[in-house]
Amino acid sequence: MKELVDYCYLCQKPLYCLDGFFNGVQIGEGKNCCFECEERHKEEILHES
């Protein structure tokens, strides 16, 4: 099952729940991002939270 959950707040890529697993990263304050952006922007994301 594939269900749209949110969009990456950095690149606007759709983030899905795939068979019960979220394919993104929750970074707080209701923001989610994709794995690619989380890796690329790890430092600035940590400072924003």
N, C-alpha and C. Protein backbone atom coordinates (compact mmCIF):
# COMPACT_ATOMS: atom_id res chain seq x y z
N MET A 1 0.84 -1.18 0.00
CA MET A 1 0.00 0.00 0.00
C MET A 1 0.88 1.24 0.00
N LYS A 2 0.52 2.22 -0.78
CA LYS A 2 1.28 3.46 -0.91
C LYS A 2 0.35 4.64 -0.65
N GLU A 3 0.66 5.43 0.39
CA GLU A 3 -0.20 6.55 0.77
C GLU A 3 0.64 7.82 0.90
N LEU A 4 0.23 8.88 0.21
CA LEU A 4 0.91 10.17 0.30
C LEU A 4 0.74 10.73 1.71
N VAL A 5 1.85 11.10 2.35
CA VAL A 5 1.82 11.61 3.71
C VAL A 5 2.09 13.11 3.73
N ASP A 6 3.12 13.54 3.01
CA ASP A 6 3.55 14.94 3.05
C ASP A 6 4.48 15.18 1.87
N TYR A 7 5.04 16.38 1.83
CA TYR A 7 6.05 16.73 0.82
C TYR A 7 7.30 17.21 1.55
N CYS A 8 8.47 16.92 0.98
CA CYS A 8 9.73 17.39 1.56
C CYS A 8 9.70 18.91 1.63
N TYR A 9 10.00 19.47 2.79
CA TYR A 9 9.92 20.91 2.93
C TYR A 9 11.08 21.61 2.23
N LEU A 10 12.10 20.87 1.82
CA LEU A 10 13.23 21.48 1.09
C LEU A 10 13.07 21.39 -0.42
N CYS A 11 12.72 20.21 -0.95
CA CYS A 11 12.66 20.04 -2.41
C CYS A 11 11.25 19.76 -2.94
N GLN A 12 10.28 19.64 -2.05
CA GLN A 12 8.87 19.39 -2.40
C GLN A 12 8.61 18.02 -3.03
N LYS A 13 9.53 17.07 -2.85
CA LYS A 13 9.32 15.70 -3.32
C LYS A 13 8.22 15.05 -2.47
N PRO A 14 7.28 14.32 -3.10
CA PRO A 14 6.25 13.65 -2.30
C PRO A 14 6.83 12.58 -1.40
N LEU A 15 6.34 12.51 -0.18
CA LEU A 15 6.78 11.52 0.80
C LEU A 15 5.62 10.59 1.08
N TYR A 16 5.87 9.29 0.97
CA TYR A 16 4.82 8.29 1.09
C TYR A 16 5.04 7.40 2.29
N CYS A 17 3.95 6.80 2.74
CA CYS A 17 3.99 5.69 3.67
C CYS A 17 3.87 4.44 2.80
N LEU A 18 4.88 3.59 2.82
CA LEU A 18 4.91 2.39 2.00
C LEU A 18 4.79 1.17 2.89
N ASP A 19 3.64 0.52 2.84
CA ASP A 19 3.37 -0.67 3.66
C ASP A 19 3.69 -0.44 5.14
N GLY A 20 3.33 0.73 5.63
CA GLY A 20 3.51 1.04 7.05
C GLY A 20 4.82 1.70 7.41
N PHE A 21 5.69 1.94 6.44
CA PHE A 21 6.99 2.57 6.70
C PHE A 21 7.06 3.92 6.00
N PHE A 22 7.36 4.97 6.75
CA PHE A 22 7.47 6.32 6.20
C PHE A 22 8.79 6.46 5.47
N ASN A 23 8.74 6.91 4.21
CA ASN A 23 9.97 7.01 3.42
C ASN A 23 10.55 8.42 3.48
N GLY A 24 10.62 8.97 4.67
CA GLY A 24 11.20 10.29 4.88
C GLY A 24 11.70 10.40 6.31
N VAL A 25 12.03 11.63 6.69
CA VAL A 25 12.57 11.90 8.02
C VAL A 25 11.75 13.01 8.66
N GLN A 26 11.24 12.76 9.86
CA GLN A 26 10.55 13.80 10.61
C GLN A 26 11.61 14.63 11.32
N ILE A 27 11.59 15.94 11.10
CA ILE A 27 12.63 16.77 11.70
C ILE A 27 12.09 17.76 12.72
N GLY A 28 10.84 17.62 13.08
CA GLY A 28 10.26 18.47 14.11
C GLY A 28 9.44 19.61 13.55
N GLU A 29 8.65 20.22 14.44
CA GLU A 29 7.79 21.34 14.08
C GLU A 29 6.89 21.02 12.90
N GLY A 30 6.48 19.76 12.76
CA GLY A 30 5.60 19.37 11.67
C GLY A 30 6.26 19.33 10.30
N LYS A 31 7.59 19.37 10.27
CA LYS A 31 8.32 19.34 9.01
C LYS A 31 8.87 17.95 8.74
N ASN A 32 8.82 17.57 7.48
CA ASN A 32 9.38 16.29 7.03
C ASN A 32 10.26 16.55 5.83
N CYS A 33 11.26 15.72 5.64
CA CYS A 33 12.10 15.84 4.45
C CYS A 33 12.47 14.47 3.93
N CYS A 34 12.89 14.43 2.67
CA CYS A 34 13.28 13.16 2.06
C CYS A 34 14.68 12.78 2.53
N PHE A 35 15.03 11.52 2.33
CA PHE A 35 16.34 11.05 2.77
C PHE A 35 17.48 11.78 2.08
N GLU A 36 17.31 12.12 0.79
CA GLU A 36 18.36 12.79 0.04
C GLU A 36 18.65 14.18 0.62
N CYS A 37 17.60 14.95 0.89
CA CYS A 37 17.79 16.28 1.47
C CYS A 37 18.33 16.20 2.89
N GLU A 38 17.90 15.21 3.63
CA GLU A 38 18.38 15.04 5.01
C GLU A 38 19.89 14.82 5.01
N GLU A 39 20.38 14.02 4.09
CA GLU A 39 21.82 13.78 3.99
C GLU A 39 22.56 15.03 3.54
N ARG A 40 22.03 15.70 2.53
CA ARG A 40 22.67 16.90 1.98
C ARG A 40 22.69 18.06 2.95
N HIS A 41 21.65 18.19 3.74
CA HIS A 41 21.48 19.36 4.60
C HIS A 41 21.47 19.01 6.08
N LYS A 42 22.14 17.93 6.44
CA LYS A 42 22.11 17.44 7.82
C LYS A 42 22.49 18.52 8.83
N GLU A 43 23.52 19.28 8.56
CA GLU A 43 23.97 20.32 9.49
C GLU A 43 22.92 21.39 9.70
N GLU A 44 22.36 21.95 8.63
CA GLU A 44 21.40 23.03 8.81
C GLU A 44 20.09 22.52 9.40
N ILE A 45 19.71 21.28 9.12
CA ILE A 45 18.50 20.71 9.71
C ILE A 45 18.68 20.55 11.21
N LEU A 46 19.85 20.09 11.65
CA LEU A 46 20.10 19.93 13.08
C LEU A 46 20.04 21.25 13.82
N HIS A 47 20.50 22.31 13.19
CA HIS A 47 20.50 23.63 13.84
C HIS A 47 19.11 24.26 13.87
N GLU A 48 18.22 23.88 12.93
CA GLU A 48 16.86 24.42 12.90
C GLU A 48 15.98 23.78 13.94
N SER A 49 16.23 22.52 14.29
CA SER A 49 15.36 21.80 15.22
C SER A 49 15.52 22.29 16.64
